[in-house]
Amino acid sequence: MSTTSYSKVFDIVTKLIGSEGEGEYTATPSNRGTSTAPSKSNSKVSAVTGEEKKANIKRIAEYLKSIGITREGALGLIGNILGESQANPKASERNSAIGGKGGIGIVQWTASRRRKLEEAAGGNIETRNDLNFQLQYLEKELKKSYKSVYNKLTTSTSLEETTIFVLERFEVPATYLTRKTNPDAYTATKDKRINYAKSIISIIDEVYKD
């Protein structure tokens, strides 16, 4: 799908994305969920296959490179994306219908962030679930509401540092919110996402080789 297909949508998207990032968005375990890849029991769509996932990872990396994100920034962000959705734009945590609850898409947009994503998609499921659309929306969200995260992604030289920064400042899973009472769960989440990032180095290097 062409990156210009949604130009009219994105004329208004910056008005739809609020300033809920950068410390103004208060996430709680009840409205953020567990922020892990959907399991068979609650996913409303089929998981992407190995080849589909690889193609999606490559496409995401290509887009991130095009907007100035470094190799390490791409690794850290995509490591989190794999932890959230396995790079499946159709991934649904609880309810895949427009206006439903739970996380949706590659970064599992939740609560007000999900509503704004769906509004930007014009309430159309096919548009909302399109990977190119989600990448364009992600770019706008990072640049408007999560500037510190975007800055980190465009200057990063550390895979581990970037993965943790995105995890704590952008994804904000329940295991991070409850880290003081259950530090082992947060450590497991953090380590898993760093390992996801390391597992895709060959794919990312293919994109960033030039």
C-alpha atoms as a PDB file:
ATOM      1  CA  MET A   1       0.000   0.000   0.000  1.00  0.00           C
ATOM      2  CA  SER A   2       1.411   3.394  -0.968  1.00  0.00           C
ATOM      3  CA  THR A   3       2.770   5.659   1.748  1.00  0.00           C
ATOM      4  CA  THR A   4       0.727   8.456   0.200  1.00  0.00           C
ATOM      5  CA  SER A   5      -2.569   6.570   0.454  1.00  0.00           C
ATOM      6  CA  TYR A   6      -3.405   8.131   3.800  1.00  0.00           C
ATOM      7  CA  SER A   7      -2.408  11.740   3.164  1.00  0.00           C
ATOM      8  CA  LYS A   8      -5.854  13.067   4.030  1.00  0.00           C
ATOM      9  CA  VAL A   9      -5.924  11.031   7.205  1.00  0.00           C
ATOM     10  CA  PHE A  10      -2.573  12.390   8.299  1.00  0.00           C
ATOM     11  CA  ASP A  11      -3.632  15.980   7.716  1.00  0.00           C
ATOM     12  CA  ILE A  12      -5.575  15.592  10.960  1.00  0.00           C
ATOM     13  CA  VAL A  13      -3.571  12.921  12.771  1.00  0.00           C
ATOM     14  CA  THR A  14      -1.406  15.348  14.722  1.00  0.00           C
ATOM     15  CA  LYS A  15      -4.590  16.836  16.173  1.00  0.00           C
ATOM     16  CA  LEU A  16      -5.740  13.390  17.216  1.00  0.00           C
ATOM     17  CA  ILE A  17      -2.503  12.406  18.934  1.00  0.00           C
ATOM     18  CA  GLY A  18      -2.427  14.044  22.338  1.00  0.00           C
ATOM     19  CA  SER A  19       0.517  14.776  24.589  1.00  0.00           C
ATOM     20  CA  GLU A  20       0.009  11.646  26.663  1.00  0.00           C
ATOM     21  CA  GLY A  21       3.648  10.697  26.329  1.00  0.00           C
ATOM     22  CA  GLU A  22       6.700  12.282  27.940  1.00  0.00           C
ATOM     23  CA  GLY A  23       5.418  11.790  31.462  1.00  0.00           C
ATOM     24  CA  GLU A  24       1.911  13.150  30.890  1.00  0.00           C
ATOM     25  CA  TYR A  25       0.320   9.794  30.147  1.00  0.00           C
ATOM     26  CA  THR A  26      -0.370   7.826  33.313  1.00  0.00           C
ATOM     27  CA  ALA A  27      -0.525   4.155  32.510  1.00  0.00           C
ATOM     28  CA  THR A  28      -1.901   1.623  34.950  1.00  0.00           C
ATOM     29  CA  PRO A  29      -1.955  -2.168  34.878  1.00  0.00           C
ATOM     30  CA  SER A  30      -5.685  -2.074  34.160  1.00  0.00           C
ATOM     31  CA  ASN A  31      -5.450   0.076  31.042  1.00  0.00           C
ATOM     32  CA  ARG A  32      -2.112  -1.092  29.685  1.00  0.00           C
ATOM     33  CA  GLY A  33      -2.518  -4.841  30.036  1.00  0.00           C
ATOM     34  CA  THR A  34       0.488  -7.115  30.091  1.00  0.00           C
ATOM     35  CA  SER A  35       1.971  -5.781  26.859  1.00  0.00           C
ATOM     36  CA  THR A  36       3.155  -9.144  25.649  1.00  0.00           C
ATOM     37  CA  ALA A  37       2.540 -10.895  22.364  1.00  0.00           C
ATOM     38  CA  PRO A  38      -1.020 -12.239  22.230  1.00  0.00           C
ATOM     39  CA  SER A  39      -1.363 -15.864  23.262  1.00  0.00           C
ATOM     40  CA  LYS A  40      -3.532 -18.398  21.445  1.00  0.00           C
ATOM     41  CA  SER A  41      -6.171 -18.012  24.102  1.00  0.00           C
ATOM     42  CA  ASN A  42      -6.813 -14.305  23.633  1.00  0.00           C
ATOM     43  CA  SER A  43      -5.507 -13.385  20.175  1.00  0.00           C
ATOM     44  CA  LYS A  44      -8.302 -12.588  17.743  1.00  0.00           C
ATOM     45  CA  VAL A  45      -6.154 -13.211  14.644  1.00  0.00           C
ATOM     46  CA  SER A  46      -3.811 -15.916  13.475  1.00  0.00           C
ATOM     47  CA  ALA A  47      -0.145 -15.433  14.283  1.00  0.00           C
ATOM     48  CA  VAL A  48       2.141 -14.393  11.443  1.00  0.00           C
ATOM     49  CA  THR A  49       4.280 -17.144   9.983  1.00  0.00           C
ATOM     50  CA  GLY A  50       8.062 -17.120  10.108  1.00  0.00           C
ATOM     51  CA  GLU A  51       8.399 -15.721   6.578  1.00  0.00           C
ATOM     52  CA  GLU A  52       5.638 -13.153   7.115  1.00  0.00           C
ATOM     53  CA  LYS A  53       7.233 -12.043  10.354  1.00  0.00           C
ATOM     54  CA  LYS A  54      10.637 -11.701   8.720  1.00  0.00           C
ATOM     55  CA  ALA A  55       9.122  -9.644   5.896  1.00  0.00           C
ATOM     56  CA  ASN A  56       7.313  -7.422   8.406  1.00  0.00           C
ATOM     57  CA  ILE A  57      10.481  -6.919  10.453  1.00  0.00           C
ATOM     58  CA  LYS A  58      12.364  -5.946   7.306  1.00  0.00           C
ATOM     59  CA  ARG A  59       9.613  -3.535   6.232  1.00  0.00           C
ATOM     60  CA  ILE A  60       9.535  -1.940   9.701  1.00  0.00           C
ATOM     61  CA  ALA A  61      13.325  -1.561   9.667  1.00  0.00           C
ATOM     62  CA  GLU A  62      13.242   0.028   6.214  1.00  0.00           C
ATOM     63  CA  TYR A  63      10.684   2.548   7.384  1.00  0.00           C
ATOM     64  CA  LEU A  64      12.574   3.339  10.580  1.00  0.00           C
ATOM     65  CA  LYS A  65      15.772   3.867   8.611  1.00  0.00           C
ATOM     66  CA  SER A  66      13.941   6.232   6.251  1.00  0.00           C
ATOM     67  CA  ILE A  67      12.944   8.507   9.149  1.00  0.00           C
ATOM     68  CA  GLY A  68      16.440   8.727  10.582  1.00  0.00           C
ATOM     69  CA  ILE A  69      16.389   6.008  13.225  1.00  0.00           C
ATOM     70  CA  THR A  70      19.778   4.396  13.820  1.00  0.00           C
ATOM     71  CA  ARG A  71      20.579   0.700  13.515  1.00  0.00           C
ATOM     72  CA  GLU A  72      20.577   0.328  17.302  1.00  0.00           C
ATOM     73  CA  GLY A  73      17.393   2.377  17.528  1.00  0.00           C
ATOM     74  CA  ALA A  74      15.688   0.035  15.073  1.00  0.00           C
ATOM     75  CA  LEU A  75      16.896  -3.013  16.986  1.00  0.00           C
ATOM     76  CA  GLY A  76      15.615  -1.650  20.295  1.00  0.00           C
ATOM     77  CA  LEU A  77      12.238  -0.591  18.950  1.00  0.00           C
ATOM     78  CA  ILE A  78      11.645  -3.754  16.935  1.00  0.00           C
ATOM     79  CA  GLY A  79      12.752  -5.878  19.892  1.00  0.00           C
ATOM     80  CA  ASN A  80       9.862  -4.303  21.785  1.00  0.00           C
ATOM     81  CA  ILE A  81       7.516  -4.710  18.830  1.00  0.00           C
ATOM     82  CA  LEU A  82       8.285  -8.437  18.812  1.00  0.00           C
ATOM     83  CA  GLY A  83       7.515  -8.570  22.523  1.00  0.00           C
ATOM     84  CA  GLU A  84       4.214  -6.803  21.941  1.00  0.00           C
ATOM     85  CA  SER A  85       2.871  -8.381  18.757  1.00  0.00           C
ATOM     86  CA  GLN A  86       5.484 -10.542  17.012  1.00  0.00           C
ATOM     87  CA  ALA A  87       5.445  -7.807  14.317  1.00  0.00           C
ATOM     88  CA  ASN A  88       1.853  -8.656  13.410  1.00  0.00           C
ATOM     89  CA  PRO A  89      -0.164  -5.513  12.543  1.00  0.00           C
ATOM     90  CA  LYS A  90      -3.399  -7.464  13.068  1.00  0.00           C
ATOM     91  CA  ALA A  91      -2.472  -8.603  16.575  1.00  0.00           C
ATOM     92  CA  SER A  92      -5.315  -8.062  19.034  1.00  0.00           C
ATOM     93  CA  GLU A  93      -4.950  -8.463  22.781  1.00  0.00           C
ATOM     94  CA  ARG A  94      -8.644  -8.751  23.616  1.00  0.00           C
ATOM     95  CA  ASN A  95     -11.078  -7.374  21.027  1.00  0.00           C
ATOM     96  CA  SER A  96     -10.235  -6.696  17.397  1.00  0.00           C
ATOM     97  CA  ALA A  97     -13.393  -4.696  16.602  1.00  0.00           C
ATOM     98  CA  ILE A  98     -13.166  -0.927  16.148  1.00  0.00           C
ATOM     99  CA  GLY A  99     -13.740   0.605  19.567  1.00  0.00           C
ATOM    100  CA  GLY A 100     -12.815  -2.590  21.366  1.00  0.00           C
ATOM    101  CA  LYS A 101     -10.623  -2.888  24.432  1.00  0.00           C
ATOM    102  CA  GLY A 102      -7.089  -4.139  24.841  1.00  0.00           C
ATOM    103  CA  GLY A 103      -3.984  -3.611  22.763  1.00  0.00           C
ATOM    104  CA  ILE A 104      -4.001  -3.542  18.970  1.00  0.00           C
ATOM    105  CA  GLY A 105      -1.369  -3.513  16.251  1.00  0.00           C
ATOM    106  CA  ILE A 106       2.401  -3.795  16.192  1.00  0.00           C
ATOM    107  CA  VAL A 107       3.000  -1.791  19.383  1.00  0.00           C
ATOM    108  CA  GLN A 108      -0.329  -2.785  20.969  1.00  0.00           C
ATOM    109  CA  TRP A 109      -1.889   0.670  21.121  1.00  0.00           C
ATOM    110  CA  THR A 110      -4.201   0.644  24.130  1.00  0.00           C
ATOM    111  CA  ALA A 111      -6.951   2.789  25.702  1.00  0.00           C
ATOM    112  CA  SER A 112      -6.881   6.399  24.431  1.00  0.00           C
ATOM    113  CA  ARG A 113      -3.928   5.630  22.160  1.00  0.00           C
ATOM    114  CA  ARG A 114      -5.954   2.895  20.474  1.00  0.00           C
ATOM    115  CA  ARG A 115      -8.956   5.186  20.063  1.00  0.00           C
ATOM    116  CA  LYS A 116      -6.803   7.837  18.374  1.00  0.00           C
ATOM    117  CA  LEU A 117      -5.232   5.252  16.074  1.00  0.00           C
ATOM    118  CA  GLU A 118      -8.669   4.025  15.039  1.00  0.00           C
ATOM    119  CA  GLU A 119      -9.960   7.549  14.560  1.00  0.00           C
ATOM    120  CA  ALA A 120      -6.977   8.338  12.334  1.00  0.00           C
ATOM    121  CA  ALA A 121      -7.840   5.196  10.352  1.00  0.00           C
ATOM    122  CA  GLY A 122     -11.337   6.564   9.798  1.00  0.00           C
ATOM    123  CA  GLY A 123     -12.843   3.712  11.796  1.00  0.00           C
ATOM    124  CA  ASN A 124     -11.823   1.288   9.037  1.00  0.00           C
ATOM    125  CA  ILE A 125     -10.410  -2.044  10.227  1.00  0.00           C
ATOM    126  CA  GLU A 126      -8.519  -2.762   7.004  1.00  0.00           C
ATOM    127  CA  THR A 127      -6.781   0.607   7.213  1.00  0.00           C
ATOM    128  CA  ARG A 128      -6.096   0.261  10.942  1.00  0.00           C
ATOM    129  CA  ASN A 129      -4.566  -3.182  10.441  1.00  0.00           C
ATOM    130  CA  ASP A 130      -2.330  -2.121   7.537  1.00  0.00           C
ATOM    131  CA  LEU A 131       1.374  -2.182   8.434  1.00  0.00           C
ATOM    132  CA  ASN A 132       2.248   0.911   6.379  1.00  0.00           C
ATOM    133  CA  PHE A 133      -0.539   2.878   8.029  1.00  0.00           C
ATOM    134  CA  GLN A 134       0.635   1.834  11.483  1.00  0.00           C
ATOM    135  CA  LEU A 135       4.207   2.820  10.678  1.00  0.00           C
ATOM    136  CA  GLN A 136       3.123   6.265   9.520  1.00  0.00           C
ATOM    137  CA  TYR A 137       1.028   6.662  12.641  1.00  0.00           C
ATOM    138  CA  LEU A 138       3.895   5.451  14.830  1.00  0.00           C
ATOM    139  CA  GLU A 139       6.170   8.081  13.287  1.00  0.00           C
ATOM    140  CA  LYS A 140       3.670  10.859  13.998  1.00  0.00           C
ATOM    141  CA  GLU A 141       3.121   9.634  17.555  1.00  0.00           C
ATOM    142  CA  LEU A 142       6.835   9.465  18.307  1.00  0.00           C
ATOM    143  CA  LYS A 143       7.529  12.917  16.888  1.00  0.00           C
ATOM    144  CA  LYS A 144       4.583  14.607  18.602  1.00  0.00           C
ATOM    145  CA  SER A 145       3.988  12.812  21.886  1.00  0.00           C
ATOM    146  CA  TYR A 146       7.182  10.881  22.590  1.00  0.00           C
ATOM    147  CA  LYS A 147       9.929  13.250  21.532  1.00  0.00           C
ATOM    148  CA  SER A 148      12.494  11.921  24.002  1.00  0.00           C
ATOM    149  CA  VAL A 149      11.945   8.407  22.644  1.00  0.00           C
ATOM    150  CA  TYR A 150      12.299   9.623  19.065  1.00  0.00           C
ATOM    151  CA  ASN A 151      15.478  11.482  19.984  1.00  0.00           C
ATOM    152  CA  LYS A 152      16.878   8.348  21.593  1.00  0.00           C
ATOM    153  CA  LEU A 153      16.030   6.264  18.537  1.00  0.00           C
ATOM    154  CA  THR A 154      17.738   8.699  16.174  1.00  0.00           C
ATOM    155  CA  THR A 155      20.946   8.963  18.221  1.00  0.00           C
ATOM    156  CA  SER A 156      21.288   5.533  19.815  1.00  0.00           C
ATOM    157  CA  THR A 157      24.464   3.491  19.639  1.00  0.00           C
ATOM    158  CA  SER A 158      23.419   0.866  22.213  1.00  0.00           C
ATOM    159  CA  LEU A 159      20.957  -1.946  21.550  1.00  0.00           C
ATOM    160  CA  GLU A 160      20.397  -2.731  25.230  1.00  0.00           C
ATOM    161  CA  GLU A 161      20.000   0.887  26.329  1.00  0.00           C
ATOM    162  CA  THR A 162      17.521   1.653  23.560  1.00  0.00           C
ATOM    163  CA  THR A 163      15.464  -1.481  24.159  1.00  0.00           C
ATOM    164  CA  ILE A 164      15.055  -0.579  27.830  1.00  0.00           C
ATOM    165  CA  PHE A 165      14.338   3.091  27.064  1.00  0.00           C
ATOM    166  CA  VAL A 166      11.529   2.174  24.639  1.00  0.00           C
ATOM    167  CA  LEU A 167      10.186  -0.406  27.077  1.00  0.00           C
ATOM    168  CA  GLU A 168       9.991   2.064  29.972  1.00  0.00           C
ATOM    169  CA  ARG A 169       9.103   5.290  28.157  1.00  0.00           C
ATOM    170  CA  PHE A 170       6.924   4.143  25.265  1.00  0.00           C
ATOM    171  CA  GLU A 171       5.469   0.674  25.843  1.00  0.00           C
ATOM    172  CA  VAL A 172       5.158   0.838  29.655  1.00  0.00           C
ATOM    173  CA  PRO A 173       4.030  -2.764  30.282  1.00  0.00           C
ATOM    174  CA  ALA A 174       2.353  -3.876  33.492  1.00  0.00           C
ATOM    175  CA  THR A 175       5.549  -5.650  34.564  1.00  0.00           C
ATOM    176  CA  TYR A 176       7.338  -2.282  34.540  1.00  0.00           C
ATOM    177  CA  LEU A 177       4.570  -0.563  36.482  1.00  0.00           C
ATOM    178  CA  THR A 178       4.680  -3.276  39.156  1.00  0.00           C
ATOM    179  CA  ARG A 179       8.483  -3.641  39.144  1.00  0.00           C
ATOM    180  CA  LYS A 180       8.826  -2.657  42.828  1.00  0.00           C
ATOM    181  CA  THR A 181       6.519  -5.394  44.009  1.00  0.00           C
ATOM    182  CA  ASN A 182       7.523  -7.963  41.406  1.00  0.00           C
ATOM    183  CA  PRO A 183      11.034  -7.149  40.140  1.00  0.00           C
ATOM    184  CA  ASP A 184      11.605 -10.628  38.729  1.00  0.00           C
ATOM    185  CA  ALA A 185       8.710 -10.258  36.288  1.00  0.00           C
ATOM    186  CA  TYR A 186      10.068  -6.960  35.008  1.00  0.00           C
ATOM    187  CA  THR A 187      13.588  -8.348  34.673  1.00  0.00           C
ATOM    188  CA  ALA A 188      12.187 -11.251  32.641  1.00  0.00           C
ATOM    189  CA  THR A 189      10.319  -8.849  30.341  1.00  0.00           C
ATOM    190  CA  LYS A 190      13.379  -6.657  29.878  1.00  0.00           C
ATOM    191  CA  ASP A 191      15.702  -9.590  29.183  1.00  0.00           C
ATOM    192  CA  LYS A 192      13.258 -11.145  26.730  1.00  0.00           C
ATOM    193  CA  ARG A 193      13.000  -7.955  24.701  1.00  0.00           C
ATOM    194  CA  ILE A 194      16.755  -7.495  24.614  1.00  0.00           C
ATOM    195  CA  ASN A 195      17.033 -11.081  23.369  1.00  0.00           C
ATOM    196  CA  TYR A 196      14.394 -10.369  20.712  1.00  0.00           C
ATOM    197  CA  ALA A 197      16.453  -7.395  19.560  1.00  0.00           C
ATOM    198  CA  LYS A 198      19.628  -9.489  19.387  1.00  0.00           C
ATOM    199  CA  SER A 199      17.826 -12.231  17.462  1.00  0.00           C
ATOM    200  CA  ILE A 200      17.102  -9.923  14.505  1.00  0.00           C
ATOM    201  CA  ILE A 201      20.546  -8.384  14.076  1.00  0.00           C
ATOM    202  CA  SER A 202      21.101 -10.150  10.737  1.00  0.00           C
ATOM    203  CA  ILE A 203      17.808  -8.825   9.327  1.00  0.00           C
ATOM    204  CA  ILE A 204      18.474  -5.291  10.512  1.00  0.00           C
ATOM    205  CA  ASP A 205      22.043  -5.351   9.230  1.00  0.00           C
ATOM    206  CA  GLU A 206      20.705  -6.313   5.807  1.00  0.00           C
ATOM    207  CA  VAL A 207      18.624  -3.139   5.808  1.00  0.00           C
ATOM    208  CA  TYR A 208      21.312  -0.909   7.313  1.00  0.00           C
ATOM    209  CA  LYS A 209      24.269  -2.257   5.319  1.00  0.00           C
ATOM    210  CA  ASP A 210      24.484   0.834   3.059  1.00  0.00           C
END
